[in-house]
Every structure is written in structure tokens, then in C-alpha cells.
Amino acid sequence: MRASYHGGVSTDGGQSTDTYTSRPPLNPGTKVDVRNRFQGTWVRGFEVAEITPDGYRIRRMSDGSVLGELFSREDLRRERTRQGFWWH
């Protein structure tokens, strides 16, 4: 299991019991943001393509490509809609 992140820093060596692991599963077709594994920031423009026993397979919305690497639940969140400013 991958380590969880808190402010971009691994906090538990992969033995997470925080709210990330208690979140409900994401169904195929759900639009998601994906955690950038290098910076810890969230990237928009993806959806769940498939759920496997080992993690989530993700599709990039811009070109429909399914990414080869599996993602854990803590590296995904439901897409956040931008609100409040005209440029969002």
C-alpha cells in the first residue's frame, strides 16, 4: 500500500487509517481530480475508467487515453467545481 500524504509529506509509511481510506469507492465514469505524486497538488480532467482489486484505472478526459498505472483511493477525489470568479 502507498503512503498517505499530509501536506505532501508521507505520514504513516503506508499504514493509513485516516479519512482517505474511509471515503466511499468511486464508480466508473466518476469525474475525478488526481494527486500529482511529485508535488502533492491536484490535477483536473480525469475520470474513473475501471476499478480493479489493486486500485483504480484512470482515463484522461482530454484525449480519452486510459493511463497504465493504477491509482489508490487516497490519490483520487471527486472533481471539484470551480465557483465564484468569472475566470473559473
PDB file of N, CA and C in Angstrom:
ATOM      1  N   MET A   1       0.853  -1.189   0.000  1.00  0.00           N
ATOM      2  CA  MET A   1       0.000   0.000   0.000  1.00  0.00           C
ATOM      3  C   MET A   1       0.887   1.236   0.000  1.00  0.00           C
ATOM      4  N   ARG A   2       0.458   2.260  -0.692  1.00  0.00           N
ATOM      5  CA  ARG A   2       1.206   3.511  -0.757  1.00  0.00           C
ATOM      6  C   ARG A   2       0.993   4.318   0.505  1.00  0.00           C
ATOM      7  N   ALA A   3       1.956   5.129   0.832  1.00  0.00           N
ATOM      8  CA  ALA A   3       1.850   6.011   1.995  1.00  0.00           C
ATOM      9  C   ALA A   3       0.812   7.090   1.737  1.00  0.00           C
ATOM     10  N   SER A   4       0.133   7.511   2.785  1.00  0.00           N
ATOM     11  CA  SER A   4      -0.791   8.626   2.632  1.00  0.00           C
ATOM     12  C   SER A   4      -0.006   9.926   2.708  1.00  0.00           C
ATOM     13  N   TYR A   5      -0.640  10.997   2.291  1.00  0.00           N
ATOM     14  CA  TYR A   5       0.024  12.284   2.255  1.00  0.00           C
ATOM     15  C   TYR A   5      -0.705  13.275   3.133  1.00  0.00           C
ATOM     16  N   HIS A   6       0.066  14.069   3.819  1.00  0.00           N
ATOM     17  CA  HIS A   6      -0.480  15.156   4.625  1.00  0.00           C
ATOM     18  C   HIS A   6       0.424  16.343   4.353  1.00  0.00           C
ATOM     19  N   GLY A   7      -0.056  17.263   3.530  1.00  0.00           N
ATOM     20  CA  GLY A   7       0.764  18.403   3.159  1.00  0.00           C
ATOM     21  C   GLY A   7       1.931  18.021   2.275  1.00  0.00           C
ATOM     22  N   GLY A   8       1.775  16.923   1.520  1.00  0.00           N
ATOM     23  CA  GLY A   8       2.828  16.493   0.620  1.00  0.00           C
ATOM     24  C   GLY A   8       3.891  15.645   1.274  1.00  0.00           C
ATOM     25  N   VAL A   9       3.724  15.314   2.560  1.00  0.00           N
ATOM     26  CA  VAL A   9       4.719  14.534   3.278  1.00  0.00           C
ATOM     27  C   VAL A   9       4.085  13.233   3.736  1.00  0.00           C
ATOM     28  N   SER A  10       4.765  12.124   3.508  1.00  0.00           N
ATOM     29  CA  SER A  10       4.266  10.839   3.967  1.00  0.00           C
ATOM     30  C   SER A  10       4.226  10.837   5.481  1.00  0.00           C
ATOM     31  N   THR A  11       3.106  10.403   6.047  1.00  0.00           N
ATOM     32  CA  THR A  11       2.951  10.480   7.495  1.00  0.00           C
ATOM     33  C   THR A  11       2.874   9.134   8.186  1.00  0.00           C
ATOM     34  N   ASP A  12       2.693   8.047   7.438  1.00  0.00           N
ATOM     35  CA  ASP A  12       2.459   6.788   8.125  1.00  0.00           C
ATOM     36  C   ASP A  12       3.085   5.574   7.467  1.00  0.00           C
ATOM     37  N   GLY A  13       3.949   5.784   6.504  1.00  0.00           N
ATOM     38  CA  GLY A  13       4.607   4.659   5.873  1.00  0.00           C
ATOM     39  C   GLY A  13       3.664   3.692   5.176  1.00  0.00           C
ATOM     40  N   GLY A  14       2.467   4.156   4.812  1.00  0.00           N
ATOM     41  CA  GLY A  14       1.543   3.323   4.083  1.00  0.00           C
ATOM     42  C   GLY A  14       0.498   2.632   4.923  1.00  0.00           C
ATOM     43  N   GLN A  15       0.502   2.834   6.214  1.00  0.00           N
ATOM     44  CA  GLN A  15      -0.473   2.187   7.086  1.00  0.00           C
ATOM     45  C   GLN A  15      -1.560   3.169   7.482  1.00  0.00           C
ATOM     46  N   SER A  16      -2.165   3.797   6.502  1.00  0.00           N
ATOM     47  CA  SER A  16      -3.120   4.869   6.733  1.00  0.00           C
ATOM     48  C   SER A  16      -4.422   4.384   7.353  1.00  0.00           C
ATOM     49  N   THR A  17      -4.905   5.138   8.332  1.00  0.00           N
ATOM     50  CA  THR A  17      -6.226   4.881   8.907  1.00  0.00           C
ATOM     51  C   THR A  17      -7.026   6.176   8.941  1.00  0.00           C
ATOM     52  N   ASP A  18      -6.632   7.169   8.156  1.00  0.00           N
ATOM     53  CA  ASP A  18      -7.290   8.474   8.174  1.00  0.00           C
ATOM     54  C   ASP A  18      -8.513   8.490   7.270  1.00  0.00           C
ATOM     55  N   THR A  19      -9.037   9.669   7.017  1.00  0.00           N
ATOM     56  CA  THR A  19     -10.272   9.805   6.247  1.00  0.00           C
ATOM     57  C   THR A  19     -10.113   9.408   4.792  1.00  0.00           C
ATOM     58  N   TYR A  20      -8.889   9.391   4.261  1.00  0.00           N
ATOM     59  CA  TYR A  20      -8.718   8.991   2.870  1.00  0.00           C
ATOM     60  C   TYR A  20      -9.203   7.561   2.650  1.00  0.00           C
ATOM     61  N   THR A  21      -8.877   6.666   3.551  1.00  0.00           N
ATOM     62  CA  THR A  21      -9.242   5.270   3.360  1.00  0.00           C
ATOM     63  C   THR A  21     -10.682   4.997   3.739  1.00  0.00           C
ATOM     64  N   SER A  22     -11.320   5.898   4.462  1.00  0.00           N
ATOM     65  CA  SER A  22     -12.704   5.681   4.858  1.00  0.00           C
ATOM     66  C   SER A  22     -13.692   6.293   3.870  1.00  0.00           C
ATOM     67  N   ARG A  23     -13.192   6.939   2.831  1.00  0.00           N
ATOM     68  CA  ARG A  23     -14.084   7.518   1.823  1.00  0.00           C
ATOM     69  C   ARG A  23     -14.721   6.425   0.993  1.00  0.00           C
ATOM     70  N   PRO A  24     -15.931   6.644   0.514  1.00  0.00           N
ATOM     71  CA  PRO A  24     -16.597   5.616  -0.302  1.00  0.00           C
ATOM     72  C   PRO A  24     -15.877   5.411  -1.632  1.00  0.00           C
ATOM     73  N   PRO A  25     -16.043   4.228  -2.231  1.00  0.00           N
ATOM     74  CA  PRO A  25     -15.400   3.971  -3.523  1.00  0.00           C
ATOM     75  C   PRO A  25     -15.966   4.862  -4.616  1.00  0.00           C
ATOM     76  N   LEU A  26     -15.198   5.022  -5.676  1.00  0.00           N
ATOM     77  CA  LEU A  26     -15.599   5.826  -6.826  1.00  0.00           C
ATOM     78  C   LEU A  26     -16.005   4.879  -7.955  1.00  0.00           C
ATOM     79  N   ASN A  27     -17.146   5.089  -8.539  1.00  0.00           N
ATOM     80  CA  ASN A  27     -17.650   4.238  -9.616  1.00  0.00           C
ATOM     81  C   ASN A  27     -17.059   4.644 -10.959  1.00  0.00           C
ATOM     82  N   PRO A  28     -16.949   3.694 -11.900  1.00  0.00           N
ATOM     83  CA  PRO A  28     -16.509   4.046 -13.256  1.00  0.00           C
ATOM     84  C   PRO A  28     -17.379   5.161 -13.827  1.00  0.00           C
ATOM     85  N   GLY A  29     -16.730   6.103 -14.504  1.00  0.00           N
ATOM     86  CA  GLY A  29     -17.424   7.254 -15.069  1.00  0.00           C
ATOM     87  C   GLY A  29     -17.416   8.474 -14.169  1.00  0.00           C
ATOM     88  N   THR A  30     -17.033   8.299 -12.896  1.00  0.00           N
ATOM     89  CA  THR A  30     -16.970   9.429 -11.970  1.00  0.00           C
ATOM     90  C   THR A  30     -15.818  10.343 -12.356  1.00  0.00           C
ATOM     91  N   LYS A  31     -16.105  11.630 -12.504  1.00  0.00           N
ATOM     92  CA  LYS A  31     -15.050  12.600 -12.797  1.00  0.00           C
ATOM     93  C   LYS A  31     -14.250  12.849 -11.529  1.00  0.00           C
ATOM     94  N   VAL A  32     -12.911  12.811 -11.667  1.00  0.00           N
ATOM     95  CA  VAL A  32     -12.038  12.929 -10.502  1.00  0.00           C
ATOM     96  C   VAL A  32     -10.878  13.876 -10.769  1.00  0.00           C
ATOM     97  N   ASP A  33     -10.327  14.376  -9.677  1.00  0.00           N
ATOM     98  CA  ASP A  33      -9.043  15.059  -9.680  1.00  0.00           C
ATOM     99  C   ASP A  33      -8.030  14.036  -9.194  1.00  0.00           C
ATOM    100  N   VAL A  34      -6.803  14.086  -9.725  1.00  0.00           N
ATOM    101  CA  VAL A  34      -5.760  13.129  -9.386  1.00  0.00           C
ATOM    102  C   VAL A  34      -4.623  13.868  -8.697  1.00  0.00           C
ATOM    103  N   ARG A  35      -4.119  13.277  -7.618  1.00  0.00           N
ATOM    104  CA  ARG A  35      -3.000  13.898  -6.891  1.00  0.00           C
ATOM    105  C   ARG A  35      -1.712  13.742  -7.688  1.00  0.00           C
ATOM    106  N   ASN A  36      -1.030  14.871  -7.904  1.00  0.00           N
ATOM    107  CA  ASN A  36       0.284  14.865  -8.525  1.00  0.00           C
ATOM    108  C   ASN A  36       1.254  14.260  -7.517  1.00  0.00           C
ATOM    109  N   ARG A  37       1.857  13.148  -7.854  1.00  0.00           N
ATOM    110  CA  ARG A  37       2.699  12.413  -6.905  1.00  0.00           C
ATOM    111  C   ARG A  37       4.026  13.102  -6.607  1.00  0.00           C
ATOM    112  N   PHE A  38       4.412  14.076  -7.399  1.00  0.00           N
ATOM    113  CA  PHE A  38       5.663  14.781  -7.171  1.00  0.00           C
ATOM    114  C   PHE A  38       5.476  16.028  -6.314  1.00  0.00           C
ATOM    115  N   GLN A  39       4.367  16.741  -6.520  1.00  0.00           N
ATOM    116  CA  GLN A  39       4.138  17.998  -5.817  1.00  0.00           C
ATOM    117  C   GLN A  39       3.026  17.926  -4.787  1.00  0.00           C
ATOM    118  N   GLY A  40       2.163  16.905  -4.846  1.00  0.00           N
ATOM    119  CA  GLY A  40       1.058  16.785  -3.909  1.00  0.00           C
ATOM    120  C   GLY A  40      -0.141  17.654  -4.261  1.00  0.00           C
ATOM    121  N   THR A  41      -0.099  18.322  -5.412  1.00  0.00           N
ATOM    122  CA  THR A  41      -1.220  19.156  -5.846  1.00  0.00           C
ATOM    123  C   THR A  41      -2.230  18.284  -6.603  1.00  0.00           C
ATOM    124  N   TRP A  42      -3.430  18.820  -6.835  1.00  0.00           N
ATOM    125  CA  TRP A  42      -4.485  18.091  -7.532  1.00  0.00           C
ATOM    126  C   TRP A  42      -4.573  18.534  -8.976  1.00  0.00           C
ATOM    127  N   VAL A  43      -4.757  17.575  -9.887  1.00  0.00           N
ATOM    128  CA  VAL A  43      -4.852  17.836 -11.319  1.00  0.00           C
ATOM    129  C   VAL A  43      -6.237  17.427 -11.794  1.00  0.00           C
ATOM    130  N   ARG A  44      -6.872  18.306 -12.553  1.00  0.00           N
ATOM    131  CA  ARG A  44      -8.232  18.073 -13.059  1.00  0.00           C
ATOM    132  C   ARG A  44      -8.192  17.337 -14.389  1.00  0.00           C
ATOM    133  N   GLY A  45      -9.384  16.871 -14.819  1.00  0.00           N
ATOM    134  CA  GLY A  45      -9.509  16.363 -16.174  1.00  0.00           C
ATOM    135  C   GLY A  45      -9.427  14.851 -16.321  1.00  0.00           C
ATOM    136  N   PHE A  46      -9.843  14.100 -15.319  1.00  0.00           N
ATOM    137  CA  PHE A  46      -9.777  12.643 -15.376  1.00  0.00           C
ATOM    138  C   PHE A  46     -11.115  12.046 -14.950  1.00  0.00           C
ATOM    139  N   GLU A  47     -11.318  10.767 -15.274  1.00  0.00           N
ATOM    140  CA  GLU A  47     -12.466  10.023 -14.785  1.00  0.00           C
ATOM    141  C   GLU A  47     -12.029   8.599 -14.480  1.00  0.00           C
ATOM    142  N   VAL A  48     -12.787   7.940 -13.626  1.00  0.00           N
ATOM    143  CA  VAL A  48     -12.514   6.547 -13.297  1.00  0.00           C
ATOM    144  C   VAL A  48     -12.914   5.699 -14.491  1.00  0.00           C
ATOM    145  N   ALA A  49     -11.977   4.915 -15.004  1.00  0.00           N
ATOM    146  CA  ALA A  49     -12.262   4.024 -16.126  1.00  0.00           C
ATOM    147  C   ALA A  49     -12.640   2.636 -15.638  1.00  0.00           C
ATOM    148  N   GLU A  50     -11.990   2.197 -14.540  1.00  0.00           N
ATOM    149  CA  GLU A  50     -12.201   0.831 -14.071  1.00  0.00           C
ATOM    150  C   GLU A  50     -11.741   0.725 -12.624  1.00  0.00           C
ATOM    151  N   ILE A  51     -12.395  -0.136 -11.877  1.00  0.00           N
ATOM    152  CA  ILE A  51     -11.952  -0.463 -10.523  1.00  0.00           C
ATOM    153  C   ILE A  51     -11.400  -1.877 -10.568  1.00  0.00           C
ATOM    154  N   THR A  52     -10.182  -2.061 -10.069  1.00  0.00           N
ATOM    155  CA  THR A  52      -9.570  -3.382 -10.000  1.00  0.00           C
ATOM    156  C   THR A  52      -9.308  -3.716  -8.534  1.00  0.00           C
ATOM    157  N   PRO A  53      -8.999  -4.949  -8.220  1.00  0.00           N
ATOM    158  CA  PRO A  53      -8.663  -5.290  -6.830  1.00  0.00           C
ATOM    159  C   PRO A  53      -7.443  -4.529  -6.301  1.00  0.00           C
ATOM    160  N   ASP A  54      -6.587  -4.052  -7.209  1.00  0.00           N
ATOM    161  CA  ASP A  54      -5.359  -3.371  -6.796  1.00  0.00           C
ATOM    162  C   ASP A  54      -5.424  -1.853  -6.878  1.00  0.00           C
ATOM    163  N   GLY A  55      -6.524  -1.291  -7.371  1.00  0.00           N
ATOM    164  CA  GLY A  55      -6.639   0.160  -7.459  1.00  0.00           C
ATOM    165  C   GLY A  55      -7.536   0.595  -8.595  1.00  0.00           C
ATOM    166  N   TYR A  56      -7.457   1.878  -8.893  1.00  0.00           N
ATOM    167  CA  TYR A  56      -8.309   2.490  -9.918  1.00  0.00           C
ATOM    168  C   TYR A  56      -7.514   2.715 -11.199  1.00  0.00           C
ATOM    169  N   ARG A  57      -8.134   2.412 -12.320  1.00  0.00           N
ATOM    170  CA  ARG A  57      -7.575   2.756 -13.621  1.00  0.00           C
ATOM    171  C   ARG A  57      -8.266   4.049 -14.049  1.00  0.00           C
ATOM    172  N   ILE A  58      -7.484   5.018 -14.509  1.00  0.00           N
ATOM    173  CA  ILE A  58      -7.964   6.375 -14.767  1.00  0.00           C
ATOM    174  C   ILE A  58      -7.888   6.711 -16.254  1.00  0.00           C
ATOM    175  N   ARG A  59      -8.902   7.437 -16.741  1.00  0.00           N
ATOM    176  CA  ARG A  59      -8.944   7.902 -18.136  1.00  0.00           C
ATOM    177  C   ARG A  59      -8.742   9.412 -18.161  1.00  0.00           C
ATOM    178  N   ARG A  60      -7.861   9.857 -19.039  1.00  0.00           N
ATOM    179  CA  ARG A  60      -7.646  11.298 -19.241  1.00  0.00           C
ATOM    180  C   ARG A  60      -8.747  11.799 -20.166  1.00  0.00           C
ATOM    181  N   MET A  61      -9.500  12.803 -19.733  1.00  0.00           N
ATOM    182  CA  MET A  61     -10.650  13.305 -20.479  1.00  0.00           C
ATOM    183  C   MET A  61     -10.250  14.014 -21.775  1.00  0.00           C
ATOM    184  N   SER A  62      -9.090  14.639 -21.816  1.00  0.00           N
ATOM    185  CA  SER A  62      -8.714  15.435 -22.985  1.00  0.00           C
ATOM    186  C   SER A  62      -8.571  14.596 -24.249  1.00  0.00           C
ATOM    187  N   ASP A  63      -8.082  13.366 -24.121  1.00  0.00           N
ATOM    188  CA  ASP A  63      -7.887  12.535 -25.309  1.00  0.00           C
ATOM    189  C   ASP A  63      -8.456  11.120 -25.174  1.00  0.00           C
ATOM    190  N   GLY A  64      -9.068  10.814 -24.031  1.00  0.00           N
ATOM    191  CA  GLY A  64      -9.675   9.502 -23.836  1.00  0.00           C
ATOM    192  C   GLY A  64      -8.704   8.389 -23.507  1.00  0.00           C
ATOM    193  N   SER A  65      -7.429   8.724 -23.312  1.00  0.00           N
ATOM    194  CA  SER A  65      -6.429   7.703 -23.010  1.00  0.00           C
ATOM    195  C   SER A  65      -6.603   7.163 -21.599  1.00  0.00           C
ATOM    196  N   VAL A  66      -6.501   5.845 -21.459  1.00  0.00           N
ATOM    197  CA  VAL A  66      -6.512   5.208 -20.152  1.00  0.00           C
ATOM    198  C   VAL A  66      -5.065   5.074 -19.707  1.00  0.00           C
ATOM    199  N   LEU A  67      -4.747   5.595 -18.531  1.00  0.00           N
ATOM    200  CA  LEU A  67      -3.385   5.557 -18.018  1.00  0.00           C
ATOM    201  C   LEU A  67      -3.029   4.142 -17.579  1.00  0.00           C
ATOM    202  N   GLY A  68      -1.799   3.745 -17.776  1.00  0.00           N
ATOM    203  CA  GLY A  68      -1.365   2.387 -17.479  1.00  0.00           C
ATOM    204  C   GLY A  68      -1.191   2.091 -16.006  1.00  0.00           C
ATOM    205  N   GLU A  69      -0.843   3.089 -15.240  1.00  0.00           N
ATOM    206  CA  GLU A  69      -0.594   2.893 -13.809  1.00  0.00           C
ATOM    207  C   GLU A  69      -1.900   2.900 -13.025  1.00  0.00           C
ATOM    208  N   LEU A  70      -1.976   2.087 -11.975  1.00  0.00           N
ATOM    209  CA  LEU A  70      -3.137   2.081 -11.096  1.00  0.00           C
ATOM    210  C   LEU A  70      -2.976   3.141 -10.019  1.00  0.00           C
ATOM    211  N   PHE A  71      -4.086   3.702  -9.568  1.00  0.00           N
ATOM    212  CA  PHE A  71      -4.097   4.737  -8.546  1.00  0.00           C
ATOM    213  C   PHE A  71      -4.850   4.241  -7.327  1.00  0.00           C
ATOM    214  N   SER A  72      -4.358   4.596  -6.151  1.00  0.00           N
ATOM    215  CA  SER A  72      -5.052   4.249  -4.915  1.00  0.00           C
ATOM    216  C   SER A  72      -6.139   5.283  -4.627  1.00  0.00           C
ATOM    217  N   ARG A  73      -7.052   4.950  -3.746  1.00  0.00           N
ATOM    218  CA  ARG A  73      -8.164   5.844  -3.421  1.00  0.00           C
ATOM    219  C   ARG A  73      -7.681   7.170  -2.853  1.00  0.00           C
ATOM    220  N   GLU A  74      -6.596   7.154  -2.085  1.00  0.00           N
ATOM    221  CA  GLU A  74      -6.123   8.404  -1.491  1.00  0.00           C
ATOM    222  C   GLU A  74      -5.509   9.356  -2.514  1.00  0.00           C
ATOM    223  N   ASP A  75      -5.235   8.866  -3.719  1.00  0.00           N
ATOM    224  CA  ASP A  75      -4.712   9.730  -4.776  1.00  0.00           C
ATOM    225  C   ASP A  75      -5.805  10.281  -5.689  1.00  0.00           C
ATOM    226  N   LEU A  76      -7.076  10.033  -5.323  1.00  0.00           N
ATOM    227  CA  LEU A  76      -8.210  10.500  -6.120  1.00  0.00           C
ATOM    228  C   LEU A  76      -9.213  11.219  -5.239  1.00  0.00           C
ATOM    229  N   ARG A  77      -9.873  12.212  -5.813  1.00  0.00           N
ATOM    230  CA  ARG A  77     -11.005  12.851  -5.143  1.00  0.00           C
ATOM    231  C   ARG A  77     -12.022  13.205  -6.219  1.00  0.00           C
ATOM    232  N   ARG A  78     -13.273  13.292  -5.817  1.00  0.00           N
ATOM    233  CA  ARG A  78     -14.302  13.706  -6.773  1.00  0.00           C
ATOM    234  C   ARG A  78     -13.938  15.077  -7.329  1.00  0.00           C
ATOM    235  N   GLU A  79     -14.224  15.279  -8.613  1.00  0.00           N
ATOM    236  CA  GLU A  79     -13.896  16.550  -9.267  1.00  0.00           C
ATOM    237  C   GLU A  79     -14.496  17.712  -8.492  1.00  0.00           C
ATOM    238  N   ARG A  80     -13.697  18.709  -8.255  1.00  0.00           N
ATOM    239  CA  ARG A  80     -14.161  19.929  -7.589  1.00  0.00           C
ATOM    240  C   ARG A  80     -14.557  20.927  -8.650  1.00  0.00           C
ATOM    241  N   THR A  81     -15.743  21.502  -8.515  1.00  0.00           N
ATOM    242  CA  THR A  81     -16.153  22.525  -9.465  1.00  0.00           C
ATOM    243  C   THR A  81     -15.653  23.871  -8.980  1.00  0.00           C
ATOM    244  N   ARG A  82     -15.216  24.661  -9.912  1.00  0.00           N
ATOM    245  CA  ARG A  82     -14.719  25.998  -9.571  1.00  0.00           C
ATOM    246  C   ARG A  82     -15.891  26.945  -9.541  1.00  0.00           C
ATOM    247  N   GLN A  83     -15.933  27.782  -8.507  1.00  0.00           N
ATOM    248  CA  GLN A  83     -17.049  28.702  -8.349  1.00  0.00           C
ATOM    249  C   GLN A  83     -16.542  30.074  -7.888  1.00  0.00           C
ATOM    250  N   GLY A  84     -17.359  31.055  -8.126  1.00  0.00           N
ATOM    251  CA  GLY A  84     -17.108  32.343  -7.519  1.00  0.00           C
ATOM    252  C   GLY A  84     -16.507  33.415  -8.388  1.00  0.00           C
ATOM    253  N   PHE A  85     -15.619  33.081  -9.323  1.00  0.00           N
ATOM    254  CA  PHE A  85     -14.972  34.094 -10.139  1.00  0.00           C
ATOM    255  C   PHE A  85     -15.245  33.807 -11.604  1.00  0.00           C
ATOM    256  N   TRP A  86     -15.345  34.811 -12.390  1.00  0.00           N
ATOM    257  CA  TRP A  86     -15.685  34.657 -13.792  1.00  0.00           C
ATOM    258  C   TRP A  86     -14.648  33.870 -14.576  1.00  0.00           C
ATOM    259  N   TRP A  87     -13.385  33.891 -14.149  1.00  0.00           N
ATOM    260  CA  TRP A  87     -12.359  33.179 -14.911  1.00  0.00           C
ATOM    261  C   TRP A  87     -12.267  31.706 -14.542  1.00  0.00           C
ATOM    262  N   HIS A  88     -13.064  31.265 -13.597  1.00  0.00           N
ATOM    263  CA  HIS A  88     -13.038  29.839 -13.234  1.00  0.00           C
ATOM    264  C   HIS A  88     -14.182  29.208 -13.939  1.00  0.00           C
TER     265      HIS A  88
END
